[in-house]
Amino acid sequence: MKFKGTFLKNEYAISSHYTTMTSFTGVIGRGNRPQPDVRLQECYWNYYEADANLRAWTNFVMSELTGEPSFKANL
């Protein structure tokens, strides 16, 4: 299932027997319905920054055009 939300914080593992939990707020789920805030276990879920592919591609192209290897676009 796909959700869309705003990253809130990471709760890092307190020992090697725990996993990092990531919290999101303002979550929208199936059918564009609001969901309660969610916490995801990092080892079982994949989550992505919005527009990460577009940002990476823009940075790559602008880096090539400007010759600046560490170019970062502010999108």
C-alpha atoms as a PDB file:
ATOM      1  CA  MET A   1       0.000   0.000   0.000  1.00  0.00           C
ATOM      2  CA  LYS A   2       1.271   3.482  -0.818  1.00  0.00           C
ATOM      3  CA  PHE A   3       0.970   6.438   1.520  1.00  0.00           C
ATOM      4  CA  LYS A   4       1.978  10.061   1.173  1.00  0.00           C
ATOM      5  CA  GLY A   5       3.015  12.064   4.215  1.00  0.00           C
ATOM      6  CA  THR A   6       5.446  14.532   5.704  1.00  0.00           C
ATOM      7  CA  PHE A   7       8.592  13.220   7.387  1.00  0.00           C
ATOM      8  CA  LEU A   8       8.541  14.008  11.100  1.00  0.00           C
ATOM      9  CA  LYS A   9      11.543  12.312  12.721  1.00  0.00           C
ATOM     10  CA  ASN A  10      13.686   9.209  13.037  1.00  0.00           C
ATOM     11  CA  GLU A  11      13.765   7.314  16.308  1.00  0.00           C
ATOM     12  CA  TYR A  12      17.111   5.544  16.217  1.00  0.00           C
ATOM     13  CA  ALA A  13      17.646   2.066  17.634  1.00  0.00           C
ATOM     14  CA  ILE A  14      18.659   2.047  21.298  1.00  0.00           C
ATOM     15  CA  SER A  15      20.576  -1.214  20.881  1.00  0.00           C
ATOM     16  CA  SER A  16      21.385  -3.786  18.221  1.00  0.00           C
ATOM     17  CA  HIS A  17      18.148  -5.673  19.010  1.00  0.00           C
ATOM     18  CA  TYR A  18      15.937  -2.770  17.871  1.00  0.00           C
ATOM     19  CA  THR A  19      15.386  -1.059  14.520  1.00  0.00           C
ATOM     20  CA  THR A  20      15.114   2.570  13.492  1.00  0.00           C
ATOM     21  CA  MET A  21      11.522   3.801  13.399  1.00  0.00           C
ATOM     22  CA  THR A  22      10.563   6.677  11.101  1.00  0.00           C
ATOM     23  CA  SER A  23       7.546   8.865  11.907  1.00  0.00           C
ATOM     24  CA  PHE A  24       5.351  10.654   9.378  1.00  0.00           C
ATOM     25  CA  THR A  25       2.520  13.142   9.905  1.00  0.00           C
ATOM     26  CA  GLY A  26      -0.245  14.407   7.590  1.00  0.00           C
ATOM     27  CA  VAL A  27      -0.500  10.969   5.996  1.00  0.00           C
ATOM     28  CA  ILE A  28      -2.826  10.374   3.018  1.00  0.00           C
ATOM     29  CA  GLY A  29      -3.690   6.779   2.154  1.00  0.00           C
ATOM     30  CA  ARG A  30      -5.843   4.829  -0.281  1.00  0.00           C
ATOM     31  CA  GLY A  31      -8.619   6.896  -1.874  1.00  0.00           C
ATOM     32  CA  ASN A  32      -6.984  10.161  -0.762  1.00  0.00           C
ATOM     33  CA  ARG A  33      -8.272   9.586   2.753  1.00  0.00           C
ATOM     34  CA  PRO A  34      -6.348  10.980   5.714  1.00  0.00           C
ATOM     35  CA  GLN A  35      -4.689   8.363   7.908  1.00  0.00           C
ATOM     36  CA  PRO A  36      -3.451   8.650  11.468  1.00  0.00           C
ATOM     37  CA  ASP A  37       0.232   9.505  11.808  1.00  0.00           C
ATOM     38  CA  VAL A  38       2.353   6.452  11.039  1.00  0.00           C
ATOM     39  CA  ARG A  39       5.625   4.978  12.266  1.00  0.00           C
ATOM     40  CA  LEU A  40       7.480   2.640   9.932  1.00  0.00           C
ATOM     41  CA  GLN A  41      10.215   0.168  10.749  1.00  0.00           C
ATOM     42  CA  GLU A  42      13.087   1.090   8.466  1.00  0.00           C
ATOM     43  CA  CYS A  43      14.040  -2.531   7.732  1.00  0.00           C
ATOM     44  CA  TYR A  44      10.552  -3.507   6.448  1.00  0.00           C
ATOM     45  CA  TRP A  45       9.445  -0.409   4.500  1.00  0.00           C
ATOM     46  CA  ASN A  46      10.885   1.676   1.679  1.00  0.00           C
ATOM     47  CA  TYR A  47      10.159   5.365   1.738  1.00  0.00           C
ATOM     48  CA  TYR A  48      11.248   7.994  -0.735  1.00  0.00           C
ATOM     49  CA  GLU A  49      11.720  11.716  -0.797  1.00  0.00           C
ATOM     50  CA  ALA A  50       9.197  13.381  -3.096  1.00  0.00           C
ATOM     51  CA  ASP A  51      10.665  14.211  -6.499  1.00  0.00           C
ATOM     52  CA  ALA A  52      14.006  12.594  -5.580  1.00  0.00           C
ATOM     53  CA  ASN A  53      14.536  11.247  -9.129  1.00  0.00           C
ATOM     54  CA  LEU A  54      13.857  14.644 -10.709  1.00  0.00           C
ATOM     55  CA  ARG A  55      16.186  16.374  -8.245  1.00  0.00           C
ATOM     56  CA  ALA A  56      18.986  13.838  -8.840  1.00  0.00           C
ATOM     57  CA  TRP A  57      18.672  14.116 -12.627  1.00  0.00           C
ATOM     58  CA  THR A  58      18.635  17.930 -12.502  1.00  0.00           C
ATOM     59  CA  ASN A  59      21.735  17.961 -10.300  1.00  0.00           C
ATOM     60  CA  PHE A  60      23.525  15.568 -12.672  1.00  0.00           C
ATOM     61  CA  VAL A  61      22.677  17.569 -15.810  1.00  0.00           C
ATOM     62  CA  MET A  62      23.531  20.930 -14.239  1.00  0.00           C
ATOM     63  CA  SER A  63      26.781  19.494 -12.889  1.00  0.00           C
ATOM     64  CA  GLU A  64      27.718  18.419 -16.414  1.00  0.00           C
ATOM     65  CA  LEU A  65      26.731  21.770 -17.926  1.00  0.00           C
ATOM     66  CA  THR A  66      28.430  23.978 -15.342  1.00  0.00           C
ATOM     67  CA  GLY A  67      31.458  21.778 -14.709  1.00  0.00           C
ATOM     68  CA  GLU A  68      30.797  22.004 -10.955  1.00  0.00           C
ATOM     69  CA  PRO A  69      30.903  18.395  -9.617  1.00  0.00           C
ATOM     70  CA  SER A  70      29.045  19.269  -6.413  1.00  0.00           C
ATOM     71  CA  PHE A  71      26.219  21.286  -8.027  1.00  0.00           C
ATOM     72  CA  LYS A  72      22.987  21.142  -5.994  1.00  0.00           C
ATOM     73  CA  ALA A  73      19.777  22.622  -7.404  1.00  0.00           C
ATOM     74  CA  ASN A  74      17.285  24.225  -5.029  1.00  0.00           C
ATOM     75  CA  LEU A  75      14.041  22.828  -6.411  1.00  0.00           C
END
